Amino acid sequence: MSQFKLHLLGPASIEALGGSSGKTLNPSFAGLLAYLALQGKPVARDHLASLFWPRAESAKARHSLRQLLSRLRKAAPGLIVADNERVGLDASLMELDVDRFEREIR
């Protein structure tokens, strides 16, 4: 059963089901969550670091990724699934408006 609704169509926001209204996401939160949600599988940390911080040296980019993931874990406990090499989302905890839209247009 999903615990979070992630809205990517329109202003990006996330809401905890059964909780308060959705929280609008800043661009870095929204970008990373959208990318991970649409990938549908874990992504290499190095790839994410170079994708989201292309001008930063590798160590700084990975540090920035760790910081963003830490903030995301606080905002959506349990949603981020990560190890030392890969980062993904627990799809069982998330309802994505893009998925619903695609089902409806079929």
PDB file of N, CA and C in Angstrom:
ATOM      1  N   MET A   1       0.844  -1.178   0.000  1.00  0.00           N
ATOM      2  CA  MET A   1       0.000   0.000   0.000  1.00  0.00           C
ATOM      3  C   MET A   1       0.887   1.238   0.000  1.00  0.00           C
ATOM      4  N   SER A   2       0.590   2.171  -0.887  1.00  0.00           N
ATOM      5  CA  SER A   2       1.417   3.368  -0.982  1.00  0.00           C
ATOM      6  C   SER A   2       1.207   4.274   0.228  1.00  0.00           C
ATOM      7  N   GLN A   3       2.253   4.969   0.599  1.00  0.00           N
ATOM      8  CA  GLN A   3       2.204   5.903   1.713  1.00  0.00           C
ATOM      9  C   GLN A   3       2.394   7.338   1.242  1.00  0.00           C
ATOM     10  N   PHE A   4       2.892   7.502   0.012  1.00  0.00           N
ATOM     11  CA  PHE A   4       3.158   8.834  -0.512  1.00  0.00           C
ATOM     12  C   PHE A   4       2.556   8.979  -1.900  1.00  0.00           C
ATOM     13  N   LYS A   5       2.087  10.181  -2.193  1.00  0.00           N
ATOM     14  CA  LYS A   5       1.681  10.531  -3.547  1.00  0.00           C
ATOM     15  C   LYS A   5       2.700  11.538  -4.057  1.00  0.00           C
ATOM     16  N   LEU A   6       3.298  11.212  -5.196  1.00  0.00           N
ATOM     17  CA  LEU A   6       4.264  12.105  -5.820  1.00  0.00           C
ATOM     18  C   LEU A   6       3.603  12.709  -7.047  1.00  0.00           C
ATOM     19  N   HIS A   7       3.475  14.023  -7.057  1.00  0.00           N
ATOM     20  CA  HIS A   7       2.850  14.748  -8.156  1.00  0.00           C
ATOM     21  C   HIS A   7       3.943  15.406  -8.996  1.00  0.00           C
ATOM     22  N   LEU A   8       4.047  14.983 -10.252  1.00  0.00           N
ATOM     23  CA  LEU A   8       5.027  15.557 -11.165  1.00  0.00           C
ATOM     24  C   LEU A   8       4.362  16.349 -12.273  1.00  0.00           C
ATOM     25  N   LEU A   9       3.084  16.086 -12.509  1.00  0.00           N
ATOM     26  CA  LEU A   9       2.341  16.833 -13.522  1.00  0.00           C
ATOM     27  C   LEU A   9       1.822  18.097 -12.846  1.00  0.00           C
ATOM     28  N   GLY A  10       2.252  19.243 -13.308  1.00  0.00           N
ATOM     29  CA  GLY A  10       1.954  20.492 -12.615  1.00  0.00           C
ATOM     30  C   GLY A  10       3.056  20.761 -11.615  1.00  0.00           C
ATOM     31  N   PRO A  11       2.800  21.605 -10.621  1.00  0.00           N
ATOM     32  CA  PRO A  11       3.832  21.874  -9.621  1.00  0.00           C
ATOM     33  C   PRO A  11       4.203  20.579  -8.886  1.00  0.00           C
ATOM     34  N   ALA A  12       5.487  20.280  -8.824  1.00  0.00           N
ATOM     35  CA  ALA A  12       5.939  19.054  -8.167  1.00  0.00           C
ATOM     36  C   ALA A  12       5.675  19.139  -6.670  1.00  0.00           C
ATOM     37  N   SER A  13       5.042  18.075  -6.138  1.00  0.00           N
ATOM     38  CA  SER A  13       4.780  18.031  -4.706  1.00  0.00           C
ATOM     39  C   SER A  13       4.704  16.579  -4.257  1.00  0.00           C
ATOM     40  N   ILE A  14       4.821  16.412  -2.968  1.00  0.00           N
ATOM     41  CA  ILE A  14       4.699  15.087  -2.366  1.00  0.00           C
ATOM     42  C   ILE A  14       3.788  15.222  -1.165  1.00  0.00           C
ATOM     43  N   GLU A  15       2.952  14.213  -0.982  1.00  0.00           N
ATOM     44  CA  GLU A  15       2.091  14.215   0.191  1.00  0.00           C
ATOM     45  C   GLU A  15       2.074  12.836   0.812  1.00  0.00           C
ATOM     46  N   ALA A  16       2.012  12.822   2.118  1.00  0.00           N
ATOM     47  CA  ALA A  16       1.868  11.565   2.846  1.00  0.00           C
ATOM     48  C   ALA A  16       0.389  11.241   2.879  1.00  0.00           C
ATOM     49  N   LEU A  17       0.025  10.037   2.462  1.00  0.00           N
ATOM     50  CA  LEU A  17      -1.377   9.654   2.462  1.00  0.00           C
ATOM     51  C   LEU A  17      -1.893   9.615   3.892  1.00  0.00           C
ATOM     52  N   GLY A  18      -3.066  10.155   4.080  1.00  0.00           N
ATOM     53  CA  GLY A  18      -3.646  10.206   5.413  1.00  0.00           C
ATOM     54  C   GLY A  18      -3.063  11.325   6.260  1.00  0.00           C
ATOM     55  N   GLY A  19      -2.185  12.105   5.659  1.00  0.00           N
ATOM     56  CA  GLY A  19      -1.547  13.189   6.400  1.00  0.00           C
ATOM     57  C   GLY A  19      -2.034  14.541   5.935  1.00  0.00           C
ATOM     58  N   SER A  20      -1.191  15.517   6.102  1.00  0.00           N
ATOM     59  CA  SER A  20      -1.533  16.876   5.727  1.00  0.00           C
ATOM     60  C   SER A  20      -1.470  17.038   4.212  1.00  0.00           C
ATOM     61  N   SER A  21      -1.802  18.215   3.756  1.00  0.00           N
ATOM     62  CA  SER A  21      -1.791  18.481   2.320  1.00  0.00           C
ATOM     63  C   SER A  21      -0.371  18.377   1.772  1.00  0.00           C
ATOM     64  N   GLY A  22      -0.265  18.307   0.453  1.00  0.00           N
ATOM     65  CA  GLY A  22       1.022  18.105  -0.200  1.00  0.00           C
ATOM     66  C   GLY A  22       2.015  19.220   0.059  1.00  0.00           C
ATOM     67  N   LYS A  23       3.269  18.850   0.041  1.00  0.00           N
ATOM     68  CA  LYS A  23       4.360  19.799   0.233  1.00  0.00           C
ATOM     69  C   LYS A  23       5.005  20.043  -1.120  1.00  0.00           C
ATOM     70  N   THR A  24       5.028  21.303  -1.551  1.00  0.00           N
ATOM     71  CA  THR A  24       5.669  21.644  -2.808  1.00  0.00           C
ATOM     72  C   THR A  24       7.159  21.384  -2.684  1.00  0.00           C
ATOM     73  N   LEU A  25       7.724  20.805  -3.736  1.00  0.00           N
ATOM     74  CA  LEU A  25       9.133  20.428  -3.718  1.00  0.00           C
ATOM     75  C   LEU A  25       9.997  21.478  -4.383  1.00  0.00           C
ATOM     76  N   ASN A  26      11.159  21.753  -3.802  1.00  0.00           N
ATOM     77  CA  ASN A  26      12.088  22.654  -4.464  1.00  0.00           C
ATOM     78  C   ASN A  26      12.654  21.936  -5.689  1.00  0.00           C
ATOM     79  N   PRO A  27      13.251  22.655  -6.622  1.00  0.00           N
ATOM     80  CA  PRO A  27      13.692  22.034  -7.875  1.00  0.00           C
ATOM     81  C   PRO A  27      14.657  20.861  -7.710  1.00  0.00           C
ATOM     82  N   SER A  28      15.582  20.919  -6.762  1.00  0.00           N
ATOM     83  CA  SER A  28      16.517  19.808  -6.616  1.00  0.00           C
ATOM     84  C   SER A  28      15.810  18.562  -6.082  1.00  0.00           C
ATOM     85  N   PHE A  29      14.906  18.724  -5.103  1.00  0.00           N
ATOM     86  CA  PHE A  29      14.113  17.592  -4.615  1.00  0.00           C
ATOM     87  C   PHE A  29      13.297  17.012  -5.759  1.00  0.00           C
ATOM     88  N   ALA A  30      12.578  17.888  -6.445  1.00  0.00           N
ATOM     89  CA  ALA A  30      11.681  17.446  -7.515  1.00  0.00           C
ATOM     90  C   ALA A  30      12.448  16.742  -8.623  1.00  0.00           C
ATOM     91  N   GLY A  31      13.574  17.306  -9.005  1.00  0.00           N
ATOM     92  CA  GLY A  31      14.356  16.705 -10.083  1.00  0.00           C
ATOM     93  C   GLY A  31      14.837  15.317  -9.745  1.00  0.00           C
ATOM     94  N   LEU A  32      15.395  15.145  -8.553  1.00  0.00           N
ATOM     95  CA  LEU A  32      15.911  13.836  -8.171  1.00  0.00           C
ATOM     96  C   LEU A  32      14.778  12.827  -7.988  1.00  0.00           C
ATOM     97  N   LEU A  33      13.700  13.215  -7.300  1.00  0.00           N
ATOM     98  CA  LEU A  33      12.581  12.296  -7.123  1.00  0.00           C
ATOM     99  C   LEU A  33      11.958  11.910  -8.460  1.00  0.00           C
ATOM    100  N   ALA A  34      11.784  12.874  -9.346  1.00  0.00           N
ATOM    101  CA  ALA A  34      11.205  12.582 -10.662  1.00  0.00           C
ATOM    102  C   ALA A  34      12.098  11.623 -11.434  1.00  0.00           C
ATOM    103  N   TYR A  35      13.385  11.890 -11.444  1.00  0.00           N
ATOM    104  CA  TYR A  35      14.310  11.025 -12.181  1.00  0.00           C
ATOM    105  C   TYR A  35      14.269   9.598 -11.650  1.00  0.00           C
ATOM    106  N   LEU A  36      14.345   9.456 -10.332  1.00  0.00           N
ATOM    107  CA  LEU A  36      14.340   8.119  -9.737  1.00  0.00           C
ATOM    108  C   LEU A  36      13.000   7.411  -9.964  1.00  0.00           C
ATOM    109  N   ALA A  37      11.904   8.147  -9.822  1.00  0.00           N
ATOM    110  CA  ALA A  37      10.583   7.544  -9.999  1.00  0.00           C
ATOM    111  C   ALA A  37      10.383   7.071 -11.432  1.00  0.00           C
ATOM    112  N   LEU A  38      10.825   7.856 -12.387  1.00  0.00           N
ATOM    113  CA  LEU A  38      10.616   7.498 -13.788  1.00  0.00           C
ATOM    114  C   LEU A  38      11.601   6.441 -14.274  1.00  0.00           C
ATOM    115  N   GLN A  39      12.732   6.285 -13.597  1.00  0.00           N
ATOM    116  CA  GLN A  39      13.668   5.218 -13.957  1.00  0.00           C
ATOM    117  C   GLN A  39      13.084   3.858 -13.584  1.00  0.00           C
ATOM    118  N   GLY A  40      12.413   3.807 -12.459  1.00  0.00           N
ATOM    119  CA  GLY A  40      11.790   2.573 -12.021  1.00  0.00           C
ATOM    120  C   GLY A  40      12.748   1.521 -11.484  1.00  0.00           C
ATOM    121  N   LYS A  41      14.003   1.852 -11.359  1.00  0.00           N
ATOM    122  CA  LYS A  41      15.000   0.927 -10.815  1.00  0.00           C
ATOM    123  C   LYS A  41      16.123   1.754 -10.206  1.00  0.00           C
ATOM    124  N   PRO A  42      16.923   1.162  -9.329  1.00  0.00           N
ATOM    125  CA  PRO A  42      18.026   1.916  -8.716  1.00  0.00           C
ATOM    126  C   PRO A  42      19.029   2.407  -9.769  1.00  0.00           C
ATOM    127  N   VAL A  43      19.611   3.558  -9.479  1.00  0.00           N
ATOM    128  CA  VAL A  43      20.543   4.227 -10.383  1.00  0.00           C
ATOM    129  C   VAL A  43      21.869   4.403  -9.660  1.00  0.00           C
ATOM    130  N   ALA A  44      22.959   4.274 -10.387  1.00  0.00           N
ATOM    131  CA  ALA A  44      24.290   4.428  -9.803  1.00  0.00           C
ATOM    132  C   ALA A  44      24.469   5.832  -9.215  1.00  0.00           C
ATOM    133  N   ARG A  45      25.037   5.881  -8.032  1.00  0.00           N
ATOM    134  CA  ARG A  45      25.296   7.175  -7.381  1.00  0.00           C
ATOM    135  C   ARG A  45      26.186   8.074  -8.249  1.00  0.00           C
ATOM    136  N   ASP A  46      27.209   7.489  -8.861  1.00  0.00           N
ATOM    137  CA  ASP A  46      28.105   8.283  -9.700  1.00  0.00           C
ATOM    138  C   ASP A  46      27.346   8.921 -10.858  1.00  0.00           C
ATOM    139  N   HIS A  47      26.419   8.180 -11.432  1.00  0.00           N
ATOM    140  CA  HIS A  47      25.613   8.717 -12.538  1.00  0.00           C
ATOM    141  C   HIS A  47      24.764   9.890 -12.050  1.00  0.00           C
ATOM    142  N   LEU A  48      24.100   9.725 -10.906  1.00  0.00           N
ATOM    143  CA  LEU A  48      23.272  10.806 -10.366  1.00  0.00           C
ATOM    144  C   LEU A  48      24.108  12.032 -10.035  1.00  0.00           C
ATOM    145  N   ALA A  49      25.264  11.816  -9.422  1.00  0.00           N
ATOM    146  CA  ALA A  49      26.125  12.940  -9.049  1.00  0.00           C
ATOM    147  C   ALA A  49      26.564  13.726 -10.290  1.00  0.00           C
ATOM    148  N   SER A  50      26.959  13.015 -11.339  1.00  0.00           N
ATOM    149  CA  SER A  50      27.408  13.723 -12.540  1.00  0.00           C
ATOM    150  C   SER A  50      26.243  14.335 -13.315  1.00  0.00           C
ATOM    151  N   LEU A  51      25.054  13.732 -13.215  1.00  0.00           N
ATOM    152  CA  LEU A  51      23.888  14.266 -13.905  1.00  0.00           C
ATOM    153  C   LEU A  51      23.377  15.553 -13.250  1.00  0.00           C
ATOM    154  N   PHE A  52      23.302  15.556 -11.919  1.00  0.00           N
ATOM    155  CA  PHE A  52      22.732  16.702 -11.213  1.00  0.00           C
ATOM    156  C   PHE A  52      23.756  17.779 -10.845  1.00  0.00           C
ATOM    157  N   TRP A  53      25.040  17.437 -10.806  1.00  0.00           N
ATOM    158  CA  TRP A  53      26.095  18.404 -10.502  1.00  0.00           C
ATOM    159  C   TRP A  53      27.211  18.241 -11.536  1.00  0.00           C
ATOM    160  N   PRO A  54      26.920  18.514 -12.800  1.00  0.00           N
ATOM    161  CA  PRO A  54      27.881  18.224 -13.875  1.00  0.00           C
ATOM    162  C   PRO A  54      29.166  19.040 -13.813  1.00  0.00           C
ATOM    163  N   ARG A  55      29.134  20.203 -13.204  1.00  0.00           N
ATOM    164  CA  ARG A  55      30.330  21.060 -13.170  1.00  0.00           C
ATOM    165  C   ARG A  55      31.181  20.856 -11.919  1.00  0.00           C
ATOM    166  N   ALA A  56      30.653  20.072 -10.992  1.00  0.00           N
ATOM    167  CA  ALA A  56      31.394  19.840  -9.738  1.00  0.00           C
ATOM    168  C   ALA A  56      32.354  18.667  -9.899  1.00  0.00           C
ATOM    169  N   GLU A  57      33.459  18.725  -9.166  1.00  0.00           N
ATOM    170  CA  GLU A  57      34.345  17.561  -9.185  1.00  0.00           C
ATOM    171  C   GLU A  57      33.626  16.403  -8.503  1.00  0.00           C
ATOM    172  N   SER A  58      34.036  15.201  -8.799  1.00  0.00           N
ATOM    173  CA  SER A  58      33.341  13.983  -8.390  1.00  0.00           C
ATOM    174  C   SER A  58      33.054  13.920  -6.886  1.00  0.00           C
ATOM    175  N   ALA A  59      34.046  14.191  -6.055  1.00  0.00           N
ATOM    176  CA  ALA A  59      33.862  14.098  -4.605  1.00  0.00           C
ATOM    177  C   ALA A  59      32.827  15.111  -4.116  1.00  0.00           C
ATOM    178  N   LYS A  60      32.870  16.321  -4.653  1.00  0.00           N
ATOM    179  CA  LYS A  60      31.903  17.353  -4.252  1.00  0.00           C
ATOM    180  C   LYS A  60      30.500  16.994  -4.726  1.00  0.00           C
ATOM    181  N   ALA A  61      30.392  16.465  -5.937  1.00  0.00           N
ATOM    182  CA  ALA A  61      29.083  16.065  -6.471  1.00  0.00           C
ATOM    183  C   ALA A  61      28.477  14.947  -5.630  1.00  0.00           C
ATOM    184  N   ARG A  62      29.289  13.962  -5.255  1.00  0.00           N
ATOM    185  CA  ARG A  62      28.785  12.867  -4.419  1.00  0.00           C
ATOM    186  C   ARG A  62      28.372  13.380  -3.028  1.00  0.00           C
ATOM    187  N   HIS A  63      29.111  14.344  -2.504  1.00  0.00           N
ATOM    188  CA  HIS A  63      28.746  14.950  -1.218  1.00  0.00           C
ATOM    189  C   HIS A  63      27.394  15.660  -1.342  1.00  0.00           C
ATOM    190  N   SER A  64      27.212  16.407  -2.406  1.00  0.00           N
ATOM    191  CA  SER A  64      25.941  17.096  -2.629  1.00  0.00           C
ATOM    192  C   SER A  64      24.792  16.099  -2.749  1.00  0.00           C
ATOM    193  N   LEU A  65      25.027  14.984  -3.420  1.00  0.00           N
ATOM    194  CA  LEU A  65      24.011  13.945  -3.534  1.00  0.00           C
ATOM    195  C   LEU A  65      23.669  13.372  -2.161  1.00  0.00           C
ATOM    196  N   ARG A  66      24.674  13.087  -1.350  1.00  0.00           N
ATOM    197  CA  ARG A  66      24.419  12.561   0.005  1.00  0.00           C
ATOM    198  C   ARG A  66      23.581  13.537   0.822  1.00  0.00           C
ATOM    199  N   GLN A  67      23.897  14.823   0.729  1.00  0.00           N
ATOM    200  CA  GLN A  67      23.137  15.828   1.469  1.00  0.00           C
ATOM    201  C   GLN A  67      21.678  15.869   1.011  1.00  0.00           C
ATOM    202  N   LEU A  68      21.464  15.844  -0.300  1.00  0.00           N
ATOM    203  CA  LEU A  68      20.102  15.878  -0.829  1.00  0.00           C
ATOM    204  C   LEU A  68      19.338  14.616  -0.418  1.00  0.00           C
ATOM    205  N   LEU A  69      19.979  13.465  -0.486  1.00  0.00           N
ATOM    206  CA  LEU A  69      19.324  12.224  -0.075  1.00  0.00           C
ATOM    207  C   LEU A  69      18.961  12.259   1.407  1.00  0.00           C
ATOM    208  N   SER A  70      19.806  12.835   2.224  1.00  0.00           N
ATOM    209  CA  SER A  70      19.513  12.953   3.650  1.00  0.00           C
ATOM    210  C   SER A  70      18.256  13.786   3.871  1.00  0.00           C
ATOM    211  N   ARG A  71      18.143  14.899   3.163  1.00  0.00           N
ATOM    212  CA  ARG A  71      16.955  15.751   3.289  1.00  0.00           C
ATOM    213  C   ARG A  71      15.714  15.042   2.754  1.00  0.00           C
ATOM    214  N   LEU A  72      15.865  14.285   1.672  1.00  0.00           N
ATOM    215  CA  LEU A  72      14.728  13.541   1.123  1.00  0.00           C
ATOM    216  C   LEU A  72      14.261  12.456   2.089  1.00  0.00           C
ATOM    217  N   ARG A  73      15.203  11.798   2.761  1.00  0.00           N
ATOM    218  CA  ARG A  73      14.832  10.765   3.737  1.00  0.00           C
ATOM    219  C   ARG A  73      14.002  11.348   4.878  1.00  0.00           C
ATOM    220  N   LYS A  74      14.328  12.562   5.277  1.00  0.00           N
ATOM    221  CA  LYS A  74      13.556  13.226   6.332  1.00  0.00           C
ATOM    222  C   LYS A  74      12.173  13.615   5.836  1.00  0.00           C
ATOM    223  N   ALA A  75      12.082  14.060   4.599  1.00  0.00           N
ATOM    224  CA  ALA A  75      10.802  14.495   4.042  1.00  0.00           C
ATOM    225  C   ALA A  75       9.876  13.323   3.728  1.00  0.00           C
ATOM    226  N   ALA A  76      10.455  12.186   3.342  1.00  0.00           N
ATOM    227  CA  ALA A  76       9.655  11.017   2.957  1.00  0.00           C
ATOM    228  C   ALA A  76      10.311   9.757   3.520  1.00  0.00           C
ATOM    229  N   PRO A  77      10.149   9.506   4.815  1.00  0.00           N
ATOM    230  CA  PRO A  77      10.806   8.364   5.451  1.00  0.00           C
ATOM    231  C   PRO A  77      10.456   7.030   4.774  1.00  0.00           C
ATOM    232  N   GLY A  78      11.496   6.260   4.483  1.00  0.00           N
ATOM    233  CA  GLY A  78      11.318   4.948   3.896  1.00  0.00           C
ATOM    234  C   GLY A  78      11.240   4.913   2.386  1.00  0.00           C
ATOM    235  N   LEU A  79      11.031   6.050   1.748  1.00  0.00           N
ATOM    236  CA  LEU A  79      10.859   6.076   0.293  1.00  0.00           C
ATOM    237  C   LEU A  79      12.180   5.861  -0.443  1.00  0.00           C
ATOM    238  N   ILE A  80      13.260   6.429   0.071  1.00  0.00           N
ATOM    239  CA  ILE A  80      14.565   6.295  -0.571  1.00  0.00           C
ATOM    240  C   ILE A  80      15.184   4.955  -0.183  1.00  0.00           C
ATOM    241  N   VAL A  81      15.620   4.207  -1.185  1.00  0.00           N
ATOM    242  CA  VAL A  81      16.303   2.936  -0.978  1.00  0.00           C
ATOM    243  C   VAL A  81      17.693   3.100  -1.575  1.00  0.00           C
ATOM    244  N   ALA A  82      18.715   2.950  -0.745  1.00  0.00           N
ATOM    245  CA  ALA A  82      20.066   3.218  -1.230  1.00  0.00           C
ATOM    246  C   ALA A  82      21.074   2.296  -0.551  1.00  0.00           C
ATOM    247  N   ASP A  83      22.148   2.060  -1.279  1.00  0.00           N
ATOM    248  CA  ASP A  83      23.317   1.411  -0.703  1.00  0.00           C
ATOM    249  C   ASP A  83      24.523   2.249  -1.123  1.00  0.00           C
ATOM    250  N   ASN A  84      25.714   1.735  -0.984  1.00  0.00           N
ATOM    251  CA  ASN A  84      26.905   2.516  -1.311  1.00  0.00           C
ATOM    252  C   ASN A  84      27.043   2.817  -2.793  1.00  0.00           C
ATOM    253  N   GLU A  85      26.392   2.045  -3.641  1.00  0.00           N
ATOM    254  CA  GLU A  85      26.556   2.202  -5.083  1.00  0.00           C
ATOM    255  C   GLU A  85      25.334   2.734  -5.813  1.00  0.00           C
ATOM    256  N   ARG A  86      24.121   2.423  -5.330  1.00  0.00           N
ATOM    257  CA  ARG A  86      22.916   2.741  -6.073  1.00  0.00           C
ATOM    258  C   ARG A  86      21.866   3.421  -5.196  1.00  0.00           C
ATOM    259  N   VAL A  87      20.983   4.172  -5.864  1.00  0.00           N
ATOM    260  CA  VAL A  87      19.884   4.866  -5.194  1.00  0.00           C
ATOM    261  C   VAL A  87      18.614   4.619  -5.990  1.00  0.00           C
ATOM    262  N   GLY A  88      17.530   4.356  -5.286  1.00  0.00           N
ATOM    263  CA  GLY A  88      16.243   4.165  -5.935  1.00  0.00           C
ATOM    264  C   GLY A  88      15.124   4.549  -4.989  1.00  0.00           C
ATOM    265  N   LEU A  89      13.902   4.286  -5.425  1.00  0.00           N
ATOM    266  CA  LEU A  89      12.724   4.540  -4.614  1.00  0.00           C
ATOM    267  C   LEU A  89      12.000   3.231  -4.379  1.00  0.00           C
ATOM    268  N   ASP A  90      11.381   3.087  -3.227  1.00  0.00           N
ATOM    269  CA  ASP A  90      10.545   1.924  -2.937  1.00  0.00           C
ATOM    270  C   ASP A  90       9.191   2.175  -3.585  1.00  0.00           C
ATOM    271  N   ALA A  91       8.984   1.597  -4.753  1.00  0.00           N
ATOM    272  CA  ALA A  91       7.768   1.833  -5.535  1.00  0.00           C
ATOM    273  C   ALA A  91       6.506   1.406  -4.791  1.00  0.00           C
ATOM    274  N   SER A  92       6.633   0.467  -3.855  1.00  0.00           N
ATOM    275  CA  SER A  92       5.456   0.016  -3.116  1.00  0.00           C
ATOM    276  C   SER A  92       4.939   1.088  -2.157  1.00  0.00           C
ATOM    277  N   LEU A  93       5.765   2.087  -1.863  1.00  0.00           N
ATOM    278  CA  LEU A  93       5.367   3.160  -0.947  1.00  0.00           C
ATOM    279  C   LEU A  93       4.900   4.409  -1.673  1.00  0.00           C
ATOM    280  N   MET A  94       4.858   4.363  -2.993  1.00  0.00           N
ATOM    281  CA  MET A  94       4.647   5.586  -3.755  1.00  0.00           C
ATOM    282  C   MET A  94       3.559   5.414  -4.802  1.00  0.00           C
ATOM    283  N   GLU A  95       2.723   6.418  -4.903  1.00  0.00           N
ATOM    284  CA  GLU A  95       1.755   6.529  -5.985  1.00  0.00           C
ATOM    285  C   GLU A  95       2.200   7.725  -6.824  1.00  0.00           C
ATOM    286  N   LEU A  96       2.368   7.509  -8.113  1.00  0.00           N
ATOM    287  CA  LEU A  96       2.903   8.534  -9.003  1.00  0.00           C
ATOM    288  C   LEU A  96       1.820   9.000  -9.955  1.00  0.00           C
ATOM    289  N   ASP A  97       1.575  10.309 -10.017  1.00  0.00           N
ATOM    290  CA  ASP A  97       0.508  10.820 -10.882  1.00  0.00           C
ATOM    291  C   ASP A  97       0.762  10.517 -12.357  1.00  0.00           C
ATOM    292  N   VAL A  98       2.009  10.427 -12.756  1.00  0.00           N
ATOM    293  CA  VAL A  98       2.339  10.109 -14.152  1.00  0.00           C
ATOM    294  C   VAL A  98       1.844   8.705 -14.494  1.00  0.00           C
ATOM    295  N   ASP A  99       2.012   7.751 -13.570  1.00  0.00           N
ATOM    296  CA  ASP A  99       1.521   6.385 -13.799  1.00  0.00           C
ATOM    297  C   ASP A  99       0.008   6.367 -13.944  1.00  0.00           C
ATOM    298  N   ARG A 100      -0.668   7.090 -13.081  1.00  0.00           N
ATOM    299  CA  ARG A 100      -2.138   7.150 -13.156  1.00  0.00           C
ATOM    300  C   ARG A 100      -2.569   7.773 -14.480  1.00  0.00           C
ATOM    301  N   PHE A 101      -1.926   8.837 -14.898  1.00  0.00           N
ATOM    302  CA  PHE A 101      -2.248   9.496 -16.157  1.00  0.00           C
ATOM    303  C   PHE A 101      -2.082   8.519 -17.331  1.00  0.00           C
ATOM    304  N   GLU A 102      -0.969   7.784 -17.344  1.00  0.00           N
ATOM    305  CA  GLU A 102      -0.735   6.832 -18.424  1.00  0.00           C
ATOM    306  C   GLU A 102      -1.765   5.715 -18.436  1.00  0.00           C
ATOM    307  N   ARG A 103      -2.185   5.250 -17.261  1.00  0.00           N
ATOM    308  CA  ARG A 103      -3.248   4.222 -17.207  1.00  0.00           C
ATOM    309  C   ARG A 103      -4.563   4.767 -17.752  1.00  0.00           C
ATOM    310  N   GLU A 104      -4.882   5.998 -17.401  1.00  0.00           N
ATOM    311  CA  GLU A 104      -6.144   6.602 -17.836  1.00  0.00           C
ATOM    312  C   GLU A 104      -6.206   6.830 -19.344  1.00  0.00           C
ATOM    313  N   ILE A 105      -5.081   7.178 -19.952  1.00  0.00           N
ATOM    314  CA  ILE A 105      -5.128   7.438 -21.405  1.00  0.00           C
ATOM    315  C   ILE A 105      -5.124   6.164 -22.229  1.00  0.00           C
ATOM    316  N   ARG A 106      -4.802   5.034 -21.631  1.00  0.00           N
ATOM    317  CA  ARG A 106      -4.841   3.758 -22.365  1.00  0.00           C
ATOM    318  C   ARG A 106      -6.252   3.378 -22.541  1.00  0.00           C
TER     319      ARG A 106
END
